[in-house]
Amino acid sequence: MEYLKRTDRKLVKKCHIFDLYEDTVVSPTGHEAKWDFLKHNGAAAIVPVTDDGKILMVHQYRNSIDGVSLEIPAGKKDTPDEPSYDCASRELEEETGYRCDHLEFLVHLVTAIAYCDEQIDIYVARDLKPSKQHLDEDEFLDLEAFDVETLKQMAFEGKLTDAKTVAAIMSYCQKYGK
């Protein structure tokens, strides 16, 4: 089967979190189209599990929805080649004020495959040790622990809507029989 083929990519704008490109694609019939593409460094996220089995979540303002979203801790890589494990370790401590000695890989996601190449590796963190939050100066969030059943129910009710978070919680439940 033949598919579309990209024939050109032009940088439109360099942004803080991603770069915006205009791609030219050609169909097998020769039709040419322009598509938007967002280039992203990638990210990492963490399912932090407390000693009593709860999941630490962050309430964080998100401009795209002009409101607060409930999410697992996450953040973008500083550079495209930064190991996701290192990014996850940094973001765990930065956003939750906890660290751990070992992260376990859970799942790999491409978050918005139709127009963006952002890839997120999600890890599970256990045996959390108190440390200190290191929030970015434009980051304001609240930390709250939830039991897994509550998070699953929130996802099914449409109250937990962040895609990486829903995927992470459901993957965690499947892998660990929760």
C-alpha atoms as a PDB file:
ATOM      1  CA  MET A   1       0.000   0.000   0.000  1.00  0.00           C
ATOM      2  CA  GLU A   2       1.254   3.477  -0.793  1.00  0.00           C
ATOM      3  CA  TYR A   3       1.097   6.294   1.715  1.00  0.00           C
ATOM      4  CA  LEU A   4       1.821   9.994   1.827  1.00  0.00           C
ATOM      5  CA  LYS A   5       5.415  11.147   1.556  1.00  0.00           C
ATOM      6  CA  ARG A   6       6.913  14.248   3.137  1.00  0.00           C
ATOM      7  CA  THR A   7       8.863  16.233   0.555  1.00  0.00           C
ATOM      8  CA  ASP A   8       9.731  19.376   2.520  1.00  0.00           C
ATOM      9  CA  ARG A   9       9.870  20.739   6.080  1.00  0.00           C
ATOM     10  CA  LYS A  10      10.224  24.462   6.856  1.00  0.00           C
ATOM     11  CA  LEU A  11      10.719  25.988  10.290  1.00  0.00           C
ATOM     12  CA  VAL A  12       7.935  28.501  10.914  1.00  0.00           C
ATOM     13  CA  LYS A  13       8.694  29.462  14.524  1.00  0.00           C
ATOM     14  CA  LYS A  14      10.934  28.430  17.406  1.00  0.00           C
ATOM     15  CA  CYS A  15       8.898  28.335  20.597  1.00  0.00           C
ATOM     16  CA  HIS A  16       9.625  27.683  24.274  1.00  0.00           C
ATOM     17  CA  ILE A  17       8.357  24.089  24.419  1.00  0.00           C
ATOM     18  CA  PHE A  18       8.378  23.064  20.750  1.00  0.00           C
ATOM     19  CA  ASP A  19       9.294  24.251  17.266  1.00  0.00           C
ATOM     20  CA  LEU A  20       6.563  24.757  14.678  1.00  0.00           C
ATOM     21  CA  TYR A  21       7.178  23.504  11.135  1.00  0.00           C
ATOM     22  CA  GLU A  22       5.176  23.506   7.939  1.00  0.00           C
ATOM     23  CA  ASP A  23       5.540  20.222   6.100  1.00  0.00           C
ATOM     24  CA  THR A  24       4.751  19.522   2.475  1.00  0.00           C
ATOM     25  CA  VAL A  25       3.343  16.063   1.839  1.00  0.00           C
ATOM     26  CA  VAL A  26       2.462  14.403  -1.444  1.00  0.00           C
ATOM     27  CA  SER A  27      -0.147  11.674  -1.853  1.00  0.00           C
ATOM     28  CA  PRO A  28       0.319   8.605  -4.096  1.00  0.00           C
ATOM     29  CA  THR A  29      -1.933  10.377  -6.640  1.00  0.00           C
ATOM     30  CA  GLY A  30       0.368  13.424  -6.678  1.00  0.00           C
ATOM     31  CA  HIS A  31      -1.827  15.747  -4.581  1.00  0.00           C
ATOM     32  CA  GLU A  32       0.315  18.134  -2.508  1.00  0.00           C
ATOM     33  CA  ALA A  33      -0.800  19.339   0.938  1.00  0.00           C
ATOM     34  CA  LYS A  34       0.619  21.477   3.758  1.00  0.00           C
ATOM     35  CA  TRP A  35       0.605  20.049   7.267  1.00  0.00           C
ATOM     36  CA  ASP A  36       1.638  21.553  10.601  1.00  0.00           C
ATOM     37  CA  PHE A  37       4.228  19.691  12.670  1.00  0.00           C
ATOM     38  CA  LEU A  38       5.410  20.343  16.239  1.00  0.00           C
ATOM     39  CA  LYS A  39       8.958  19.218  17.093  1.00  0.00           C
ATOM     40  CA  HIS A  40       9.362  18.433  20.809  1.00  0.00           C
ATOM     41  CA  ASN A  41      12.384  17.344  22.891  1.00  0.00           C
ATOM     42  CA  GLY A  42      10.402  14.586  24.549  1.00  0.00           C
ATOM     43  CA  ALA A  43       9.419  14.153  28.159  1.00  0.00           C
ATOM     44  CA  ALA A  44       9.183  11.784  31.076  1.00  0.00           C
ATOM     45  CA  ALA A  45       6.490  11.150  33.649  1.00  0.00           C
ATOM     46  CA  ILE A  46       6.243   9.256  36.889  1.00  0.00           C
ATOM     47  CA  VAL A  47       3.640   7.232  38.788  1.00  0.00           C
ATOM     48  CA  PRO A  48       4.853   7.892  42.356  1.00  0.00           C
ATOM     49  CA  VAL A  49       3.526   5.180  44.678  1.00  0.00           C
ATOM     50  CA  THR A  50       3.490   5.864  48.404  1.00  0.00           C
ATOM     51  CA  ASP A  51       4.166   3.175  51.010  1.00  0.00           C
ATOM     52  CA  ASP A  52       0.406   2.762  51.521  1.00  0.00           C
ATOM     53  CA  GLY A  53      -0.174   2.239  47.779  1.00  0.00           C
ATOM     54  CA  LYS A  54      -1.552   5.669  46.918  1.00  0.00           C
ATOM     55  CA  ILE A  55      -0.483   7.617  43.839  1.00  0.00           C
ATOM     56  CA  LEU A  56       0.915  11.140  44.217  1.00  0.00           C
ATOM     57  CA  MET A  57      -0.782  13.481  41.755  1.00  0.00           C
ATOM     58  CA  VAL A  58      -0.338  17.166  40.968  1.00  0.00           C
ATOM     59  CA  HIS A  59      -3.060  19.754  40.460  1.00  0.00           C
ATOM     60  CA  GLN A  60      -1.589  22.117  37.890  1.00  0.00           C
ATOM     61  CA  TYR A  61      -2.899  25.032  35.815  1.00  0.00           C
ATOM     62  CA  ARG A  62      -2.856  24.291  32.087  1.00  0.00           C
ATOM     63  CA  ASN A  63      -3.189  27.164  29.666  1.00  0.00           C
ATOM     64  CA  SER A  64      -4.657  24.968  26.900  1.00  0.00           C
ATOM     65  CA  ILE A  65      -7.798  24.346  28.970  1.00  0.00           C
ATOM     66  CA  ASP A  66      -7.570  27.577  30.997  1.00  0.00           C
ATOM     67  CA  GLY A  67      -7.986  25.539  34.119  1.00  0.00           C
ATOM     68  CA  VAL A  68      -6.452  23.114  36.565  1.00  0.00           C
ATOM     69  CA  SER A  69      -5.695  19.550  35.509  1.00  0.00           C
ATOM     70  CA  LEU A  70      -4.985  16.563  37.741  1.00  0.00           C
ATOM     71  CA  GLU A  71      -1.908  14.735  36.461  1.00  0.00           C
ATOM     72  CA  ILE A  72       0.985  12.494  37.317  1.00  0.00           C
ATOM     73  CA  PRO A  73       4.238  14.454  37.713  1.00  0.00           C
ATOM     74  CA  ALA A  74       5.972  15.021  34.379  1.00  0.00           C
ATOM     75  CA  GLY A  75       8.246  17.340  32.494  1.00  0.00           C
ATOM     76  CA  LYS A  76      10.082  17.869  29.263  1.00  0.00           C
ATOM     77  CA  LYS A  77      13.627  16.811  28.622  1.00  0.00           C
ATOM     78  CA  ASP A  78      16.204  19.574  28.840  1.00  0.00           C
ATOM     79  CA  THR A  79      17.693  18.358  25.554  1.00  0.00           C
ATOM     80  CA  PRO A  80      16.475  15.820  22.986  1.00  0.00           C
ATOM     81  CA  ASP A  81      19.247  13.379  23.967  1.00  0.00           C
ATOM     82  CA  GLU A  82      18.699  13.591  27.737  1.00  0.00           C
ATOM     83  CA  PRO A  83      17.916  10.069  28.987  1.00  0.00           C
ATOM     84  CA  SER A  84      14.254   9.856  29.965  1.00  0.00           C
ATOM     85  CA  TYR A  85      15.251   8.102  33.203  1.00  0.00           C
ATOM     86  CA  ASP A  86      17.265  11.179  34.241  1.00  0.00           C
ATOM     87  CA  CYS A  87      14.405  13.485  33.277  1.00  0.00           C
ATOM     88  CA  ALA A  88      11.931  11.397  35.288  1.00  0.00           C
ATOM     89  CA  SER A  89      14.185  11.398  38.358  1.00  0.00           C
ATOM     90  CA  ARG A  90      14.574  15.165  38.170  1.00  0.00           C
ATOM     91  CA  GLU A  91      10.849  15.801  37.647  1.00  0.00           C
ATOM     92  CA  LEU A  92       9.853  13.481  40.500  1.00  0.00           C
ATOM     93  CA  GLU A  93      11.879  15.490  42.987  1.00  0.00           C
ATOM     94  CA  GLU A  94      11.155  18.845  41.365  1.00  0.00           C
ATOM     95  CA  GLU A  95       7.356  18.464  41.406  1.00  0.00           C
ATOM     96  CA  THR A  96       6.678  16.218  44.416  1.00  0.00           C
ATOM     97  CA  GLY A  97       9.525  16.857  46.820  1.00  0.00           C
ATOM     98  CA  TYR A  98      10.325  13.129  46.862  1.00  0.00           C
ATOM     99  CA  ARG A  99      13.062  11.076  45.276  1.00  0.00           C
ATOM    100  CA  CYS A 100      13.735   7.377  44.954  1.00  0.00           C
ATOM    101  CA  ASP A 101      16.733   5.168  44.241  1.00  0.00           C
ATOM    102  CA  HIS A 102      15.192   3.262  41.328  1.00  0.00           C
ATOM    103  CA  LEU A 103      12.556   3.981  38.700  1.00  0.00           C
ATOM    104  CA  GLU A 104      10.840   1.118  36.897  1.00  0.00           C
ATOM    105  CA  PHE A 105       9.901   1.645  33.248  1.00  0.00           C
ATOM    106  CA  LEU A 106       6.138   1.345  32.682  1.00  0.00           C
ATOM    107  CA  VAL A 107       5.138   2.500  29.185  1.00  0.00           C
ATOM    108  CA  HIS A 108       6.216   4.598  26.186  1.00  0.00           C
ATOM    109  CA  LEU A 109       3.754   7.011  24.530  1.00  0.00           C
ATOM    110  CA  VAL A 110       3.631   9.318  21.527  1.00  0.00           C
ATOM    111  CA  THR A 111       1.212  11.902  22.885  1.00  0.00           C
ATOM    112  CA  ALA A 112      -0.278  13.565  19.788  1.00  0.00           C
ATOM    113  CA  ILE A 113       0.966  11.465  16.882  1.00  0.00           C
ATOM    114  CA  ALA A 114      -1.096  13.291  14.232  1.00  0.00           C
ATOM    115  CA  TYR A 115       0.858  16.551  14.530  1.00  0.00           C
ATOM    116  CA  CYS A 116       3.586  16.289  17.178  1.00  0.00           C
ATOM    117  CA  ASP A 117       6.539  13.962  17.821  1.00  0.00           C
ATOM    118  CA  GLU A 118       6.493  14.341  21.623  1.00  0.00           C
ATOM    119  CA  GLN A 119       7.378  11.011  23.208  1.00  0.00           C
ATOM    120  CA  ILE A 120       6.978  10.319  26.898  1.00  0.00           C
ATOM    121  CA  ASP A 121       8.497   7.475  28.854  1.00  0.00           C
ATOM    122  CA  ILE A 122       6.537   6.771  32.022  1.00  0.00           C
ATOM    123  CA  TYR A 123       8.110   5.215  35.090  1.00  0.00           C
ATOM    124  CA  VAL A 124       6.916   3.887  38.451  1.00  0.00           C
ATOM    125  CA  ALA A 125       8.615   5.262  41.560  1.00  0.00           C
ATOM    126  CA  ARG A 126       8.418   3.378  44.873  1.00  0.00           C
ATOM    127  CA  ASP A 127      10.238   3.641  48.199  1.00  0.00           C
ATOM    128  CA  LEU A 128       9.866   7.406  48.063  1.00  0.00           C
ATOM    129  CA  LYS A 129      12.206   9.426  50.226  1.00  0.00           C
ATOM    130  CA  PRO A 130      11.349  12.965  51.367  1.00  0.00           C
ATOM    131  CA  SER A 131      13.461  15.615  49.681  1.00  0.00           C
ATOM    132  CA  LYS A 132      12.610  19.143  48.562  1.00  0.00           C
ATOM    133  CA  GLN A 133      10.398  20.500  45.800  1.00  0.00           C
ATOM    134  CA  HIS A 134      12.202  22.566  43.165  1.00  0.00           C
ATOM    135  CA  LEU A 135       9.375  24.119  41.163  1.00  0.00           C
ATOM    136  CA  ASP A 136      10.115  26.267  38.120  1.00  0.00           C
ATOM    137  CA  GLU A 137       9.319  29.933  38.727  1.00  0.00           C
ATOM    138  CA  ASP A 138       6.216  29.674  36.518  1.00  0.00           C
ATOM    139  CA  GLU A 139       5.067  26.412  38.112  1.00  0.00           C
ATOM    140  CA  PHE A 140       2.400  26.425  40.820  1.00  0.00           C
ATOM    141  CA  LEU A 141       0.967  23.086  41.811  1.00  0.00           C
ATOM    142  CA  ASP A 142      -0.597  21.212  44.677  1.00  0.00           C
ATOM    143  CA  LEU A 143       0.315  17.647  45.541  1.00  0.00           C
ATOM    144  CA  GLU A 144      -2.342  15.137  46.611  1.00  0.00           C
ATOM    145  CA  ALA A 145      -2.350  11.368  47.153  1.00  0.00           C
ATOM    146  CA  PHE A 146      -5.162   9.272  45.655  1.00  0.00           C
ATOM    147  CA  ASP A 147      -6.021   5.600  45.895  1.00  0.00           C
ATOM    148  CA  VAL A 148      -5.918   3.769  42.572  1.00  0.00           C
ATOM    149  CA  GLU A 149      -9.644   2.930  42.516  1.00  0.00           C
ATOM    150  CA  THR A 150     -10.540   6.611  42.861  1.00  0.00           C
ATOM    151  CA  LEU A 151      -8.237   7.531  39.972  1.00  0.00           C
ATOM    152  CA  LYS A 152      -9.700   4.806  37.744  1.00  0.00           C
ATOM    153  CA  GLN A 153     -13.227   5.969  38.553  1.00  0.00           C
ATOM    154  CA  MET A 154     -12.261   9.589  37.833  1.00  0.00           C
ATOM    155  CA  ALA A 155     -10.944   8.499  34.426  1.00  0.00           C
ATOM    156  CA  PHE A 156     -14.150   6.621  33.595  1.00  0.00           C
ATOM    157  CA  GLU A 157     -16.247   9.622  34.684  1.00  0.00           C
ATOM    158  CA  GLY A 158     -14.238  12.070  32.547  1.00  0.00           C
ATOM    159  CA  LYS A 159     -12.818  13.868  35.590  1.00  0.00           C
ATOM    160  CA  LEU A 160      -9.267  12.697  34.876  1.00  0.00           C
ATOM    161  CA  THR A 161      -8.619  13.759  31.283  1.00  0.00           C
ATOM    162  CA  ASP A 162      -4.876  14.190  30.766  1.00  0.00           C
ATOM    163  CA  ALA A 163      -3.975  11.473  28.246  1.00  0.00           C
ATOM    164  CA  LYS A 164      -0.553  10.551  29.673  1.00  0.00           C
ATOM    165  CA  THR A 165      -2.069  10.306  33.138  1.00  0.00           C
ATOM    166  CA  VAL A 166      -4.972   8.095  32.088  1.00  0.00           C
ATOM    167  CA  ALA A 167      -2.606   5.857  30.090  1.00  0.00           C
ATOM    168  CA  ALA A 168      -0.184   5.677  33.015  1.00  0.00           C
ATOM    169  CA  ILE A 169      -2.832   4.840  35.615  1.00  0.00           C
ATOM    170  CA  MET A 170      -4.447   2.178  33.435  1.00  0.00           C
ATOM    171  CA  SER A 171      -1.057   0.679  32.519  1.00  0.00           C
ATOM    172  CA  TYR A 172      -0.044   0.645  36.171  1.00  0.00           C
ATOM    173  CA  CYS A 173      -3.311  -1.100  37.127  1.00  0.00           C
ATOM    174  CA  GLN A 174      -2.932  -3.674  34.356  1.00  0.00           C
ATOM    175  CA  LYS A 175       0.702  -4.434  35.114  1.00  0.00           C
ATOM    176  CA  TYR A 176       0.263  -4.727  38.887  1.00  0.00           C
ATOM    177  CA  GLY A 177      -3.257  -6.163  39.002  1.00  0.00           C
ATOM    178  CA  LYS A 178      -4.822  -3.142  40.686  1.00  0.00           C
END
